[in-house]
C-alpha atoms as a PDB file:
ATOM      1  CA  UNK A   1     -89.615 -55.403 -43.566  1.00  0.00           C
ATOM      2  CA  UNK A   2     -91.531 -58.524 -42.494  1.00  0.00           C
ATOM      3  CA  UNK A   3     -91.281 -57.480 -38.845  1.00  0.00           C
ATOM      4  CA  UNK A   4     -92.710 -54.031 -39.565  1.00  0.00           C
ATOM      5  CA  UNK A   5     -95.534 -55.527 -41.637  1.00  0.00           C
ATOM      6  CA  UNK A   6     -96.283 -58.081 -38.890  1.00  0.00           C
ATOM      7  CA  UNK A   7     -96.243 -55.346 -36.220  1.00  0.00           C
ATOM      8  CA  UNK A   8     -98.611 -53.153 -38.288  1.00  0.00           C
ATOM      9  CA  UNK A   9    -100.969 -56.097 -38.855  1.00  0.00           C
ATOM     10  CA  UNK A  10    -100.906 -56.979 -35.146  1.00  0.00           C
ATOM     11  CA  UNK A  11    -101.616 -53.342 -34.234  1.00  0.00           C
ATOM     12  CA  UNK A  12    -104.601 -53.190 -36.637  1.00  0.00           C
ATOM     13  CA  UNK A  13    -106.074 -56.403 -35.245  1.00  0.00           C
ATOM     14  CA  UNK A  14    -105.663 -55.293 -31.625  1.00  0.00           C
ATOM     15  CA  UNK A  15    -107.272 -51.894 -32.332  1.00  0.00           C
ATOM     16  CA  UNK A  16    -110.185 -53.627 -34.084  1.00  0.00           C
ATOM     17  CA  UNK A  17    -110.725 -55.915 -31.092  1.00  0.00           C
ATOM     18  CA  UNK A  18    -110.470 -53.008 -28.659  1.00  0.00           C
ATOM     19  CA  UNK A  19    -113.144 -51.111 -30.575  1.00  0.00           C
ATOM     20  CA  UNK A  20    -115.513 -54.092 -30.761  1.00  0.00           C
ATOM     21  CA  UNK A  21    -119.157 -53.486 -29.988  1.00  0.00           C
ATOM     22  CA  UNK A  22    -119.818 -53.512 -26.263  1.00  0.00           C
ATOM     23  CA  UNK A  23    -122.765 -55.425 -24.924  1.00  0.00           C
ATOM     24  CA  UNK A  24    -125.461 -53.201 -23.471  1.00  0.00           C
ATOM     25  CA  UNK A  25    -128.854 -53.789 -21.944  1.00  0.00           C
ATOM     26  CA  UNK A  26    -131.663 -52.055 -23.803  1.00  0.00           C
ATOM     27  CA  UNK A  27    -134.606 -53.951 -22.325  1.00  0.00           C
ATOM     28  CA  UNK A  28    -135.087 -56.119 -19.300  1.00  0.00           C
ATOM     29  CA  UNK A  29    -137.766 -57.901 -17.374  1.00  0.00           C
ATOM     30  CA  UNK A  30    -137.935 -59.412 -13.933  1.00  0.00           C
ATOM     31  CA  UNK A  31    -138.913 -62.916 -12.937  1.00  0.00           C
ATOM     32  CA  UNK A  32    -139.023 -64.991  -9.816  1.00  0.00           C
ATOM     33  CA  UNK A  33    -135.588 -66.357  -8.945  1.00  0.00           C
ATOM     34  CA  UNK A  34    -135.795 -70.123  -9.528  1.00  0.00           C
ATOM     35  CA  UNK A  35    -132.818 -70.811  -7.240  1.00  0.00           C
ATOM     36  CA  UNK A  36    -133.790 -68.798  -4.154  1.00  0.00           C
ATOM     37  CA  UNK A  37    -137.070 -68.260  -2.368  1.00  0.00           C
ATOM     38  CA  UNK A  38    -138.549 -64.766  -2.140  1.00  0.00           C
ATOM     39  CA  UNK A  39    -135.962 -63.257  -4.522  1.00  0.00           C
ATOM     40  CA  UNK A  40    -136.191 -61.964  -8.068  1.00  0.00           C
ATOM     41  CA  UNK A  41    -133.999 -62.218 -11.147  1.00  0.00           C
ATOM     42  CA  UNK A  42    -133.456 -59.474 -13.699  1.00  0.00           C
ATOM     43  CA  UNK A  43    -133.276 -60.812 -17.247  1.00  0.00           C
ATOM     44  CA  UNK A  44    -131.824 -58.862 -20.185  1.00  0.00           C
ATOM     45  CA  UNK A  45    -134.162 -59.294 -23.167  1.00  0.00           C
ATOM     46  CA  UNK A  46    -134.451 -58.151 -26.752  1.00  0.00           C
ATOM     47  CA  UNK A  47    -137.495 -56.564 -28.394  1.00  0.00           C
ATOM     48  CA  UNK A  48    -139.104 -59.995 -28.876  1.00  0.00           C
ATOM     49  CA  UNK A  49    -138.761 -60.802 -25.164  1.00  0.00           C
ATOM     50  CA  UNK A  50    -136.053 -63.420 -25.685  1.00  0.00           C
ATOM     51  CA  UNK A  51    -133.156 -63.657 -23.240  1.00  0.00           C
ATOM     52  CA  UNK A  52    -129.945 -62.024 -24.464  1.00  0.00           C
ATOM     53  CA  UNK A  53    -127.493 -64.705 -23.450  1.00  0.00           C
ATOM     54  CA  UNK A  54    -124.493 -62.663 -24.638  1.00  0.00           C
ATOM     55  CA  UNK A  55    -124.958 -60.213 -21.744  1.00  0.00           C
ATOM     56  CA  UNK A  56    -122.369 -60.980 -19.087  1.00  0.00           C
ATOM     57  CA  UNK A  57    -120.557 -58.727 -16.654  1.00  0.00           C
ATOM     58  CA  UNK A  58    -121.400 -56.065 -14.094  1.00  0.00           C
ATOM     59  CA  UNK A  59    -124.055 -53.468 -14.844  1.00  0.00           C
ATOM     60  CA  UNK A  60    -125.302 -50.566 -12.722  1.00  0.00           C
ATOM     61  CA  UNK A  61    -128.999 -50.534 -11.835  1.00  0.00           C
ATOM     62  CA  UNK A  62    -131.096 -48.339  -9.588  1.00  0.00           C
ATOM     63  CA  UNK A  63    -133.776 -50.318  -7.766  1.00  0.00           C
ATOM     64  CA  UNK A  64    -136.314 -48.295  -5.773  1.00  0.00           C
ATOM     65  CA  UNK A  65    -133.835 -45.420  -5.544  1.00  0.00           C
ATOM     66  CA  UNK A  66    -130.857 -47.501  -4.375  1.00  0.00           C
ATOM     67  CA  UNK A  67    -127.835 -48.033  -6.621  1.00  0.00           C
ATOM     68  CA  UNK A  68    -126.883 -51.671  -7.176  1.00  0.00           C
ATOM     69  CA  UNK A  69    -124.215 -53.309  -9.275  1.00  0.00           C
ATOM     70  CA  UNK A  70    -125.653 -56.544 -10.633  1.00  0.00           C
ATOM     71  CA  UNK A  71    -123.566 -59.327 -12.116  1.00  0.00           C
ATOM     72  CA  UNK A  72    -125.092 -60.804 -15.255  1.00  0.00           C
ATOM     73  CA  UNK A  73    -124.262 -64.294 -16.469  1.00  0.00           C
ATOM     74  CA  UNK A  74    -125.872 -65.499 -19.691  1.00  0.00           C
ATOM     75  CA  UNK A  75    -128.333 -62.608 -19.604  1.00  0.00           C
ATOM     76  CA  UNK A  76    -129.555 -63.103 -16.024  1.00  0.00           C
ATOM     77  CA  UNK A  77    -128.667 -61.336 -12.758  1.00  0.00           C
ATOM     78  CA  UNK A  78    -129.997 -62.150  -9.314  1.00  0.00           C
ATOM     79  CA  UNK A  79    -131.161 -59.411  -6.956  1.00  0.00           C
ATOM     80  CA  UNK A  80    -130.151 -60.799  -3.558  1.00  0.00           C
ATOM     81  CA  UNK A  81    -132.733 -59.043  -1.402  1.00  0.00           C
ATOM     82  CA  UNK A  82    -135.718 -60.907  -0.019  1.00  0.00           C
ATOM     83  CA  UNK A  83    -139.190 -59.669  -0.922  1.00  0.00           C
ATOM     84  CA  UNK A  84    -141.102 -59.762   2.365  1.00  0.00           C
ATOM     85  CA  UNK A  85    -144.502 -58.602   1.076  1.00  0.00           C
ATOM     86  CA  UNK A  86    -146.200 -57.475  -2.117  1.00  0.00           C
ATOM     87  CA  UNK A  87    -144.632 -54.235  -3.252  1.00  0.00           C
ATOM     88  CA  UNK A  88    -143.829 -51.985  -6.174  1.00  0.00           C
ATOM     89  CA  UNK A  89    -140.340 -52.167  -7.647  1.00  0.00           C
ATOM     90  CA  UNK A  90    -139.014 -49.411  -9.903  1.00  0.00           C
ATOM     91  CA  UNK A  91    -135.917 -50.577 -11.776  1.00  0.00           C
ATOM     92  CA  UNK A  92    -133.770 -48.234 -13.866  1.00  0.00           C
ATOM     93  CA  UNK A  93    -130.640 -48.897 -15.923  1.00  0.00           C
ATOM     94  CA  UNK A  94    -128.624 -46.117 -17.512  1.00  0.00           C
ATOM     95  CA  UNK A  95    -126.049 -46.737 -20.229  1.00  0.00           C
ATOM     96  CA  UNK A  96    -124.651 -45.003 -23.314  1.00  0.00           C
ATOM     97  CA  UNK A  97    -127.840 -45.853 -25.256  1.00  0.00           C
ATOM     98  CA  UNK A  98    -130.000 -43.997 -22.734  1.00  0.00           C
ATOM     99  CA  UNK A  99    -132.072 -44.735 -19.660  1.00  0.00           C
ATOM    100  CA  UNK A 100    -134.196 -47.858 -19.540  1.00  0.00           C
ATOM    101  CA  UNK A 101    -136.680 -48.313 -16.722  1.00  0.00           C
ATOM    102  CA  UNK A 102    -139.675 -50.335 -15.680  1.00  0.00           C
ATOM    103  CA  UNK A 103    -142.229 -50.340 -12.901  1.00  0.00           C
ATOM    104  CA  UNK A 104    -143.297 -53.719 -11.554  1.00  0.00           C
ATOM    105  CA  UNK A 105    -145.689 -54.857  -8.885  1.00  0.00           C
ATOM    106  CA  UNK A 106    -144.334 -57.926  -7.118  1.00  0.00           C
ATOM    107  CA  UNK A 107    -147.358 -59.880  -5.923  1.00  0.00           C
ATOM    108  CA  UNK A 108    -146.442 -62.263  -3.126  1.00  0.00           C
ATOM    109  CA  UNK A 109    -148.697 -65.181  -2.325  1.00  0.00           C
ATOM    110  CA  UNK A 110    -147.198 -67.658   0.103  1.00  0.00           C
ATOM    111  CA  UNK A 111    -143.660 -68.322  -1.150  1.00  0.00           C
ATOM    112  CA  UNK A 112    -144.514 -67.551  -4.775  1.00  0.00           C
ATOM    113  CA  UNK A 113    -143.665 -64.186  -6.343  1.00  0.00           C
ATOM    114  CA  UNK A 114    -145.509 -62.958  -9.414  1.00  0.00           C
ATOM    115  CA  UNK A 115    -143.986 -59.860 -11.058  1.00  0.00           C
ATOM    116  CA  UNK A 116    -146.492 -57.759 -13.003  1.00  0.00           C
ATOM    117  CA  UNK A 117    -145.222 -55.045 -15.341  1.00  0.00           C
ATOM    118  CA  UNK A 118    -147.140 -51.790 -14.926  1.00  0.00           C
ATOM    119  CA  UNK A 119    -147.310 -49.532 -17.946  1.00  0.00           C
ATOM    120  CA  UNK A 120    -147.049 -45.793 -17.491  1.00  0.00           C
ATOM    121  CA  UNK A 121    -150.346 -45.505 -19.374  1.00  0.00           C
ATOM    122  CA  UNK A 122    -152.181 -47.226 -16.502  1.00  0.00           C
ATOM    123  CA  UNK A 123    -150.607 -44.795 -14.043  1.00  0.00           C
ATOM    124  CA  UNK A 124    -152.147 -41.953 -16.020  1.00  0.00           C
ATOM    125  CA  UNK A 125    -155.429 -43.641 -16.990  1.00  0.00           C
ATOM    126  CA  UNK A 126    -156.645 -44.830 -13.569  1.00  0.00           C
ATOM    127  CA  UNK A 127    -156.602 -41.428 -11.811  1.00  0.00           C
ATOM    128  CA  UNK A 128    -158.028 -39.721 -14.916  1.00  0.00           C
ATOM    129  CA  UNK A 129    -160.895 -42.239 -15.104  1.00  0.00           C
ATOM    130  CA  UNK A 130    -161.682 -41.721 -11.415  1.00  0.00           C
ATOM    131  CA  UNK A 131    -161.616 -37.928 -11.806  1.00  0.00           C
ATOM    132  CA  UNK A 132    -163.685 -38.060 -14.999  1.00  0.00           C
ATOM    133  CA  UNK A 133    -166.286 -40.355 -13.385  1.00  0.00           C
ATOM    134  CA  UNK A 134    -166.541 -37.972 -10.426  1.00  0.00           C
ATOM    135  CA  UNK A 135    -166.947 -35.029 -12.757  1.00  0.00           C
ATOM    136  CA  UNK A 136    -169.483 -36.850 -14.931  1.00  0.00           C
ATOM    137  CA  UNK A 137    -171.661 -37.938 -12.029  1.00  0.00           C
ATOM    138  CA  UNK A 138    -171.746 -35.003  -9.632  1.00  0.00           C
ATOM    139  CA  UNK A 139    -173.494 -37.121  -6.996  1.00  0.00           C
ATOM    140  CA  UNK A 140    -170.502 -39.444  -6.815  1.00  0.00           C
ATOM    141  CA  UNK A 141    -167.798 -36.802  -6.526  1.00  0.00           C
ATOM    142  CA  UNK A 142    -167.204 -37.629  -2.862  1.00  0.00           C
ATOM    143  CA  UNK A 143    -166.980 -41.331  -3.716  1.00  0.00           C
ATOM    144  CA  UNK A 144    -164.501 -40.506  -6.504  1.00  0.00           C
ATOM    145  CA  UNK A 145    -162.334 -38.511  -4.087  1.00  0.00           C
ATOM    146  CA  UNK A 146    -162.409 -41.403  -1.583  1.00  0.00           C
ATOM    147  CA  UNK A 147    -161.437 -43.919  -4.294  1.00  0.00           C
ATOM    148  CA  UNK A 148    -158.616 -41.611  -5.444  1.00  0.00           C
ATOM    149  CA  UNK A 149    -157.316 -41.316  -1.870  1.00  0.00           C
ATOM    150  CA  UNK A 150    -157.461 -45.118  -1.487  1.00  0.00           C
ATOM    151  CA  UNK A 151    -155.552 -45.481  -4.781  1.00  0.00           C
ATOM    152  CA  UNK A 152    -152.841 -43.089  -3.582  1.00  0.00           C
ATOM    153  CA  UNK A 153    -152.651 -44.795  -0.169  1.00  0.00           C
ATOM    154  CA  UNK A 154    -152.376 -48.270  -1.760  1.00  0.00           C
ATOM    155  CA  UNK A 155    -149.535 -47.083  -3.985  1.00  0.00           C
ATOM    156  CA  UNK A 156    -147.717 -45.378  -1.127  1.00  0.00           C
ATOM    157  CA  UNK A 157    -148.109 -48.247   1.352  1.00  0.00           C
ATOM    158  CA  UNK A 158    -146.676 -50.703  -1.204  1.00  0.00           C
ATOM    159  CA  UNK A 159    -143.575 -48.635  -1.913  1.00  0.00           C
ATOM    160  CA  UNK A 160    -144.626 -46.410  -4.820  1.00  0.00           C
ATOM    161  CA  UNK A 161    -143.859 -42.857  -3.731  1.00  0.00           C
ATOM    162  CA  UNK A 162    -145.208 -39.805  -5.527  1.00  0.00           C
ATOM    163  CA  UNK A 163    -141.801 -38.905  -7.084  1.00  0.00           C
ATOM    164  CA  UNK A 164    -141.383 -42.477  -8.377  1.00  0.00           C
ATOM    165  CA  UNK A 165    -144.950 -42.388  -9.705  1.00  0.00           C
ATOM    166  CA  UNK A 166    -144.232 -39.274 -11.773  1.00  0.00           C
ATOM    167  CA  UNK A 167    -140.728 -40.433 -12.775  1.00  0.00           C
ATOM    168  CA  UNK A 168    -142.231 -43.618 -14.189  1.00  0.00           C
ATOM    169  CA  UNK A 169    -144.804 -41.624 -16.161  1.00  0.00           C
ATOM    170  CA  UNK A 170    -142.194 -39.193 -17.530  1.00  0.00           C
ATOM    171  CA  UNK A 171    -139.840 -42.035 -18.516  1.00  0.00           C
ATOM    172  CA  UNK A 172    -142.707 -43.736 -20.346  1.00  0.00           C
ATOM    173  CA  UNK A 173    -143.648 -40.533 -22.145  1.00  0.00           C
ATOM    174  CA  UNK A 174    -140.016 -39.908 -23.090  1.00  0.00           C
ATOM    175  CA  UNK A 175    -139.690 -43.398 -24.582  1.00  0.00           C
ATOM    176  CA  UNK A 176    -143.025 -43.027 -26.390  1.00  0.00           C
ATOM    177  CA  UNK A 177    -141.877 -39.776 -28.014  1.00  0.00           C
ATOM    178  CA  UNK A 178    -138.288 -40.786 -28.835  1.00  0.00           C
ATOM    179  CA  UNK A 179    -139.132 -44.346 -29.817  1.00  0.00           C
END
């Protein structure tokens, strides 16, 4: 009887451990890699922006359209590709909680990298402001078109393609609606 009771207790404990809550990444940010020059680190954060040090293991990310498996240790993973010049970086992580993404502009000055998060609202607001200013001041419509073309060229030459531009906007809208 004791053996059956012990076996049942052991089975209950092992099932409970097997069904334990898995660690998932819901938010992340990128920073300059402190250990390597011209590389970035992806940091799993919570809603307050604090590092989630319990995140460890391999997680699938899509960076600028390429699938990467990043190894997290204490909430930080290192992206082992050198950043040669200032560029946009669109990072997306998909898990059971949904898709989490972010658009960053990596500003390179000398050997220092400065990641700047770009909100989807700015991607919508800047072209709308240019179009509205051109519409408001009919004399400057040609100037507004030229500025809009320069804006599109700057984005494209720094790695932000039109599909990525719209994907970033739609992901932001989806997260704004669903919370």
